[in-house]
Amino acid sequence: MPVRGIRGAVVPFQDSPDAIYSATRELLLEIINKNEGLKAEDIASVLFTVTDDLQSAFPAAAARQIGWDMVPLIDAREIAVPKSLERVIRVLILWNTDLFQTEIQHIYLGAAAQLRPDIKSAGQDQN
């Protein structure tokens, strides 16, 4: 079975644990909703990255909150690129699936949609 990557990003409204957890849960639940058949037991691992201005919580903790207890998770820092979008949480989910790469739905919510204008994301209309 191939491993496929699902990408996504979201911008929490502030650097606080509640905002980070809420935004991350929203992103993950939308990814689950748009990628039929995605189950925790089929996830090989998940990498979260955050920009330097997010320091108050680990996004991976939000994945635990939605039941991804046995999924290998890790948090890391993004490269600090001048003039890049602030307060961004990015995710890369490695999913064991028979779907083709073209069938994977990547999700960029709200302001994060500008990171990948080439992808028509389910959440682009959000702020």
N, C-alpha and C. Protein backbone atom coordinates (compact mmCIF):
# COMPACT_ATOMS: atom_id res chain seq x y z
N MET A 1 0.85 -1.18 0.00
CA MET A 1 0.00 0.00 0.00
C MET A 1 0.89 1.24 0.00
N PRO A 2 0.58 2.19 -0.87
CA PRO A 2 1.39 3.42 -0.89
C PRO A 2 1.11 4.32 0.32
N VAL A 3 2.06 5.18 0.59
CA VAL A 3 1.89 6.22 1.60
C VAL A 3 1.72 7.54 0.85
N ARG A 4 0.66 8.26 1.19
CA ARG A 4 0.38 9.55 0.56
C ARG A 4 0.46 10.65 1.60
N GLY A 5 0.87 11.82 1.18
CA GLY A 5 0.93 12.97 2.07
C GLY A 5 -0.30 13.83 1.92
N ILE A 6 -0.83 14.26 3.05
CA ILE A 6 -1.91 15.24 3.07
C ILE A 6 -1.34 16.49 3.71
N ARG A 7 -1.44 17.62 3.00
CA ARG A 7 -0.93 18.88 3.52
C ARG A 7 -2.08 19.77 3.95
N GLY A 8 -1.77 20.67 4.87
CA GLY A 8 -2.76 21.64 5.30
C GLY A 8 -2.12 22.70 6.15
N ALA A 9 -2.87 23.78 6.36
CA ALA A 9 -2.39 24.87 7.21
C ALA A 9 -3.58 25.68 7.71
N VAL A 10 -3.32 26.35 8.82
CA VAL A 10 -4.33 27.20 9.44
C VAL A 10 -3.61 28.30 10.21
N VAL A 11 -4.29 29.41 10.43
CA VAL A 11 -3.74 30.54 11.18
C VAL A 11 -4.62 30.77 12.40
N PRO A 12 -4.14 30.44 13.60
CA PRO A 12 -4.93 30.74 14.79
C PRO A 12 -5.00 32.25 15.01
N PHE A 13 -6.05 32.71 15.68
CA PHE A 13 -6.24 34.15 15.83
C PHE A 13 -5.26 34.78 16.81
N GLN A 14 -4.61 33.96 17.67
CA GLN A 14 -3.60 34.49 18.59
C GLN A 14 -2.72 33.34 19.06
N ASP A 15 -1.64 33.70 19.73
CA ASP A 15 -0.74 32.70 20.31
C ASP A 15 -1.21 32.39 21.74
N SER A 16 -2.14 31.48 21.84
CA SER A 16 -2.60 31.00 23.14
C SER A 16 -2.89 29.51 22.99
N PRO A 17 -2.79 28.74 24.07
CA PRO A 17 -3.10 27.32 23.95
C PRO A 17 -4.48 27.06 23.36
N ASP A 18 -5.50 27.77 23.84
CA ASP A 18 -6.86 27.54 23.34
C ASP A 18 -6.96 27.82 21.84
N ALA A 19 -6.35 28.91 21.39
CA ALA A 19 -6.42 29.26 19.97
C ALA A 19 -5.66 28.25 19.11
N ILE A 20 -4.51 27.81 19.57
CA ILE A 20 -3.73 26.82 18.83
C ILE A 20 -4.45 25.49 18.77
N TYR A 21 -4.98 25.02 19.90
CA TYR A 21 -5.70 23.75 19.92
C TYR A 21 -6.94 23.82 19.05
N SER A 22 -7.70 24.89 19.17
CA SER A 22 -8.93 25.04 18.41
C SER A 22 -8.66 25.06 16.90
N ALA A 23 -7.69 25.85 16.47
CA ALA A 23 -7.36 25.95 15.04
C ALA A 23 -6.85 24.61 14.51
N THR A 24 -6.02 23.94 15.29
CA THR A 24 -5.46 22.65 14.86
C THR A 24 -6.56 21.61 14.75
N ARG A 25 -7.44 21.55 15.74
CA ARG A 25 -8.56 20.59 15.68
C ARG A 25 -9.44 20.88 14.46
N GLU A 26 -9.74 22.15 14.23
CA GLU A 26 -10.55 22.52 13.06
C GLU A 26 -9.90 22.03 11.78
N LEU A 27 -8.60 22.25 11.64
CA LEU A 27 -7.87 21.81 10.45
C LEU A 27 -7.91 20.30 10.31
N LEU A 28 -7.59 19.59 11.37
CA LEU A 28 -7.56 18.12 11.29
C LEU A 28 -8.94 17.54 11.00
N LEU A 29 -9.97 18.08 11.63
CA LEU A 29 -11.32 17.57 11.39
C LEU A 29 -11.77 17.84 9.96
N GLU A 30 -11.36 18.96 9.39
CA GLU A 30 -11.69 19.24 7.99
C GLU A 30 -10.93 18.31 7.05
N ILE A 31 -9.69 18.01 7.38
CA ILE A 31 -8.92 17.04 6.59
C ILE A 31 -9.59 15.67 6.64
N ILE A 32 -10.00 15.25 7.83
CA ILE A 32 -10.70 13.96 7.97
C ILE A 32 -11.99 13.97 7.15
N ASN A 33 -12.75 15.06 7.25
CA ASN A 33 -14.03 15.18 6.55
C ASN A 33 -13.86 15.12 5.03
N LYS A 34 -12.81 15.73 4.51
CA LYS A 34 -12.62 15.81 3.06
C LYS A 34 -11.84 14.64 2.47
N ASN A 35 -11.25 13.80 3.31
CA ASN A 35 -10.49 12.64 2.83
C ASN A 35 -11.16 11.38 3.36
N GLU A 36 -12.17 10.95 2.62
CA GLU A 36 -12.98 9.81 3.03
C GLU A 36 -12.11 8.58 3.28
N GLY A 37 -12.35 7.96 4.40
CA GLY A 37 -11.62 6.75 4.76
C GLY A 37 -10.40 6.99 5.62
N LEU A 38 -10.06 8.25 5.88
CA LEU A 38 -8.91 8.55 6.73
C LEU A 38 -9.23 8.18 8.17
N LYS A 39 -8.48 7.22 8.68
CA LYS A 39 -8.65 6.76 10.07
C LYS A 39 -7.29 6.78 10.76
N ALA A 40 -7.31 7.00 12.05
CA ALA A 40 -6.07 7.09 12.83
C ALA A 40 -5.18 5.88 12.63
N GLU A 41 -5.77 4.69 12.57
CA GLU A 41 -4.95 3.47 12.46
C GLU A 41 -4.23 3.35 11.12
N ASP A 42 -4.61 4.17 10.13
CA ASP A 42 -3.95 4.15 8.83
C ASP A 42 -2.93 5.26 8.66
N ILE A 43 -2.75 6.08 9.69
CA ILE A 43 -1.79 7.18 9.61
C ILE A 43 -0.42 6.70 10.05
N ALA A 44 0.58 6.86 9.18
CA ALA A 44 1.95 6.45 9.51
C ALA A 44 2.57 7.42 10.50
N SER A 45 2.39 8.72 10.28
CA SER A 45 2.92 9.74 11.19
C SER A 45 2.40 11.10 10.76
N VAL A 46 2.56 12.08 11.66
CA VAL A 46 2.12 13.44 11.39
C VAL A 46 3.21 14.41 11.86
N LEU A 47 3.55 15.35 10.99
CA LEU A 47 4.49 16.41 11.32
C LEU A 47 3.75 17.73 11.34
N PHE A 48 3.84 18.43 12.46
CA PHE A 48 3.30 19.78 12.58
C PHE A 48 4.48 20.75 12.62
N THR A 49 4.33 21.88 11.93
CA THR A 49 5.30 22.96 12.09
C THR A 49 4.55 24.23 12.46
N VAL A 50 5.24 25.11 13.17
CA VAL A 50 4.68 26.40 13.56
C VAL A 50 5.70 27.49 13.27
N THR A 51 5.19 28.68 13.00
CA THR A 51 6.07 29.83 12.83
C THR A 51 6.59 30.25 14.21
N ASP A 52 7.66 31.04 14.21
CA ASP A 52 8.32 31.45 15.46
C ASP A 52 7.42 32.18 16.44
N ASP A 53 6.36 32.80 15.92
CA ASP A 53 5.48 33.59 16.79
C ASP A 53 4.43 32.75 17.52
N LEU A 54 4.42 31.45 17.30
CA LEU A 54 3.54 30.54 18.04
C LEU A 54 4.40 29.74 19.02
N GLN A 55 4.23 30.02 20.30
CA GLN A 55 5.10 29.42 21.32
C GLN A 55 4.35 28.85 22.52
N SER A 56 3.04 29.02 22.57
CA SER A 56 2.32 28.70 23.81
C SER A 56 1.79 27.28 23.91
N ALA A 57 1.81 26.51 22.80
CA ALA A 57 1.27 25.15 22.86
C ALA A 57 1.78 24.33 21.67
N PHE A 58 1.74 23.02 21.85
CA PHE A 58 2.10 22.09 20.79
C PHE A 58 0.86 21.72 19.98
N PRO A 59 0.83 21.93 18.67
CA PRO A 59 -0.32 21.51 17.88
C PRO A 59 -0.60 20.01 17.99
N ALA A 60 0.43 19.21 18.17
CA ALA A 60 0.22 17.77 18.28
C ALA A 60 -0.72 17.40 19.43
N ALA A 61 -0.75 18.22 20.47
CA ALA A 61 -1.66 17.95 21.58
C ALA A 61 -3.11 17.98 21.11
N ALA A 62 -3.43 18.81 20.13
CA ALA A 62 -4.79 18.86 19.60
C ALA A 62 -5.14 17.57 18.86
N ALA A 63 -4.15 16.96 18.22
CA ALA A 63 -4.39 15.67 17.56
C ALA A 63 -4.73 14.60 18.60
N ARG A 64 -4.09 14.65 19.73
CA ARG A 64 -4.42 13.72 20.82
C ARG A 64 -5.85 13.96 21.29
N GLN A 65 -6.27 15.23 21.30
CA GLN A 65 -7.62 15.57 21.75
C GLN A 65 -8.70 14.99 20.85
N ILE A 66 -8.39 14.73 19.57
CA ILE A 66 -9.39 14.13 18.68
C ILE A 66 -9.23 12.62 18.58
N GLY A 67 -8.39 12.04 19.44
CA GLY A 67 -8.30 10.59 19.50
C GLY A 67 -7.12 9.96 18.79
N TRP A 68 -6.18 10.74 18.33
CA TRP A 68 -5.02 10.18 17.65
C TRP A 68 -3.95 9.80 18.67
N ASP A 69 -4.32 8.95 19.62
CA ASP A 69 -3.45 8.58 20.73
C ASP A 69 -2.25 7.72 20.32
N MET A 70 -2.44 6.86 19.33
CA MET A 70 -1.37 5.94 18.94
C MET A 70 -0.61 6.39 17.70
N VAL A 71 -0.99 7.52 17.13
CA VAL A 71 -0.33 8.04 15.93
C VAL A 71 0.97 8.73 16.33
N PRO A 72 2.09 8.41 15.67
CA PRO A 72 3.33 9.13 15.93
C PRO A 72 3.21 10.59 15.47
N LEU A 73 3.42 11.53 16.38
CA LEU A 73 3.28 12.96 16.11
C LEU A 73 4.56 13.68 16.51
N ILE A 74 4.86 14.76 15.80
CA ILE A 74 6.00 15.59 16.18
C ILE A 74 5.72 17.04 15.78
N ASP A 75 6.22 17.95 16.60
CA ASP A 75 6.12 19.38 16.33
C ASP A 75 7.52 19.91 16.02
N ALA A 76 7.58 20.92 15.13
CA ALA A 76 8.85 21.54 14.77
C ALA A 76 8.61 23.00 14.39
N ARG A 77 9.70 23.75 14.29
CA ARG A 77 9.66 25.17 13.89
C ARG A 77 9.79 25.28 12.38
N GLU A 78 9.08 26.25 11.83
CA GLU A 78 9.23 26.61 10.42
C GLU A 78 10.50 27.43 10.24
N ILE A 79 10.98 27.49 9.04
CA ILE A 79 12.07 28.40 8.70
C ILE A 79 11.53 29.83 8.80
N ALA A 80 12.26 30.71 9.45
CA ALA A 80 11.82 32.09 9.62
C ALA A 80 12.16 32.90 8.36
N VAL A 81 11.24 32.92 7.42
CA VAL A 81 11.43 33.64 6.17
C VAL A 81 10.87 35.05 6.33
N PRO A 82 11.67 36.08 6.04
CA PRO A 82 11.19 37.46 6.18
C PRO A 82 9.91 37.69 5.36
N LYS A 83 9.00 38.45 5.94
CA LYS A 83 7.75 38.86 5.31
C LYS A 83 6.79 37.70 4.99
N SER A 84 7.00 36.54 5.63
CA SER A 84 6.08 35.44 5.39
C SER A 84 4.87 35.56 6.32
N LEU A 85 3.84 34.80 6.03
CA LEU A 85 2.60 34.83 6.80
C LEU A 85 2.90 34.47 8.26
N GLU A 86 2.29 35.20 9.18
CA GLU A 86 2.52 34.99 10.61
C GLU A 86 1.50 34.02 11.20
N ARG A 87 1.87 33.45 12.36
CA ARG A 87 1.01 32.56 13.15
C ARG A 87 0.46 31.40 12.32
N VAL A 88 1.32 30.67 11.65
CA VAL A 88 0.88 29.58 10.80
C VAL A 88 1.20 28.23 11.44
N ILE A 89 0.20 27.37 11.45
CA ILE A 89 0.37 25.96 11.81
C ILE A 89 0.23 25.18 10.51
N ARG A 90 1.26 24.41 10.19
CA ARG A 90 1.22 23.55 9.00
C ARG A 90 1.23 22.11 9.46
N VAL A 91 0.65 21.25 8.62
CA VAL A 91 0.63 19.83 8.94
C VAL A 91 0.95 19.02 7.68
N LEU A 92 1.66 17.93 7.88
CA LEU A 92 1.90 16.92 6.85
C LEU A 92 1.51 15.58 7.47
N ILE A 93 0.45 14.99 6.96
CA ILE A 93 -0.03 13.69 7.43
C ILE A 93 0.42 12.65 6.42
N LEU A 94 1.12 11.62 6.88
CA LEU A 94 1.52 10.50 6.02
C LEU A 94 0.50 9.38 6.22
N TRP A 95 -0.26 9.11 5.17
CA TRP A 95 -1.43 8.23 5.22
C TRP A 95 -1.21 7.00 4.34
N ASN A 96 -1.37 5.84 4.93
CA ASN A 96 -1.34 4.58 4.19
C ASN A 96 -2.69 4.40 3.50
N THR A 97 -2.71 4.58 2.18
CA THR A 97 -3.97 4.53 1.44
C THR A 97 -3.73 4.08 0.01
N ASP A 98 -4.75 3.46 -0.56
CA ASP A 98 -4.69 3.07 -1.97
C ASP A 98 -5.16 4.17 -2.91
N LEU A 99 -5.57 5.32 -2.35
CA LEU A 99 -5.99 6.43 -3.20
C LEU A 99 -4.82 6.94 -4.04
N PHE A 100 -5.15 7.48 -5.19
CA PHE A 100 -4.14 8.14 -6.01
C PHE A 100 -3.84 9.52 -5.43
N GLN A 101 -2.65 10.02 -5.70
CA GLN A 101 -2.27 11.34 -5.20
C GLN A 101 -3.27 12.41 -5.61
N THR A 102 -3.83 12.28 -6.80
CA THR A 102 -4.80 13.26 -7.28
C THR A 102 -6.13 13.21 -6.52
N GLU A 103 -6.35 12.17 -5.74
CA GLU A 103 -7.58 12.04 -4.97
C GLU A 103 -7.46 12.60 -3.56
N ILE A 104 -6.26 12.96 -3.15
CA ILE A 104 -6.03 13.51 -1.82
C ILE A 104 -6.50 14.96 -1.77
N GLN A 105 -7.20 15.32 -0.70
CA GLN A 105 -7.70 16.68 -0.53
C GLN A 105 -6.84 17.41 0.50
N HIS A 106 -6.05 18.37 0.03
CA HIS A 106 -5.23 19.20 0.92
C HIS A 106 -6.09 20.36 1.39
N ILE A 107 -5.92 20.78 2.64
CA ILE A 107 -6.81 21.77 3.23
C ILE A 107 -6.01 22.95 3.78
N TYR A 108 -6.32 24.12 3.26
CA TYR A 108 -5.73 25.38 3.72
C TYR A 108 -6.87 26.28 4.14
N LEU A 109 -7.02 26.48 5.46
CA LEU A 109 -8.16 27.22 5.99
C LEU A 109 -7.87 28.70 6.15
N GLY A 110 -8.89 29.51 5.91
CA GLY A 110 -8.82 30.94 6.17
C GLY A 110 -7.63 31.61 5.50
N ALA A 111 -6.91 32.40 6.28
CA ALA A 111 -5.77 33.16 5.76
C ALA A 111 -4.67 32.25 5.20
N ALA A 112 -4.61 31.02 5.66
CA ALA A 112 -3.59 30.09 5.18
C ALA A 112 -3.81 29.69 3.73
N ALA A 113 -4.99 29.94 3.18
CA ALA A 113 -5.26 29.60 1.78
C ALA A 113 -4.29 30.31 0.83
N GLN A 114 -3.79 31.47 1.24
CA GLN A 114 -2.85 32.21 0.38
C GLN A 114 -1.50 31.49 0.23
N LEU A 115 -1.23 30.53 1.10
CA LEU A 115 0.02 29.79 1.00
C LEU A 115 0.05 28.87 -0.22
N ARG A 116 -1.13 28.40 -0.62
CA ARG A 116 -1.23 27.51 -1.78
C ARG A 116 -2.41 27.91 -2.64
N PRO A 117 -2.30 29.03 -3.35
CA PRO A 117 -3.42 29.48 -4.17
C PRO A 117 -3.75 28.52 -5.31
N ASP A 118 -2.83 27.61 -5.61
CA ASP A 118 -3.06 26.63 -6.67
C ASP A 118 -3.98 25.50 -6.21
N ILE A 119 -4.24 25.40 -4.91
CA ILE A 119 -5.10 24.34 -4.37
C ILE A 119 -6.43 24.95 -3.98
N LYS A 120 -7.50 24.44 -4.52
CA LYS A 120 -8.85 24.89 -4.14
C LYS A 120 -9.21 24.15 -2.87
N SER A 121 -9.05 24.82 -1.75
CA SER A 121 -9.26 24.23 -0.44
C SER A 121 -10.69 24.42 0.02
N ALA A 122 -11.18 23.47 0.78
CA ALA A 122 -12.55 23.53 1.29
C ALA A 122 -12.78 24.74 2.16
N GLY A 123 -11.74 25.22 2.83
CA GLY A 123 -11.92 26.30 3.80
C GLY A 123 -11.46 27.66 3.32
N GLN A 124 -11.31 27.88 2.04
CA GLN A 124 -10.79 29.14 1.56
C GLN A 124 -11.68 30.33 1.84
N ASP A 125 -12.95 30.12 2.04
CA ASP A 125 -13.86 31.24 2.26
C ASP A 125 -13.79 31.77 3.68
N GLN A 126 -13.13 31.05 4.58
CA GLN A 126 -13.08 31.45 5.99
C GLN A 126 -12.03 32.53 6.20
N ASN A 127 -12.13 33.25 7.31
CA ASN A 127 -11.15 34.28 7.62
C ASN A 127 -10.06 33.75 8.50
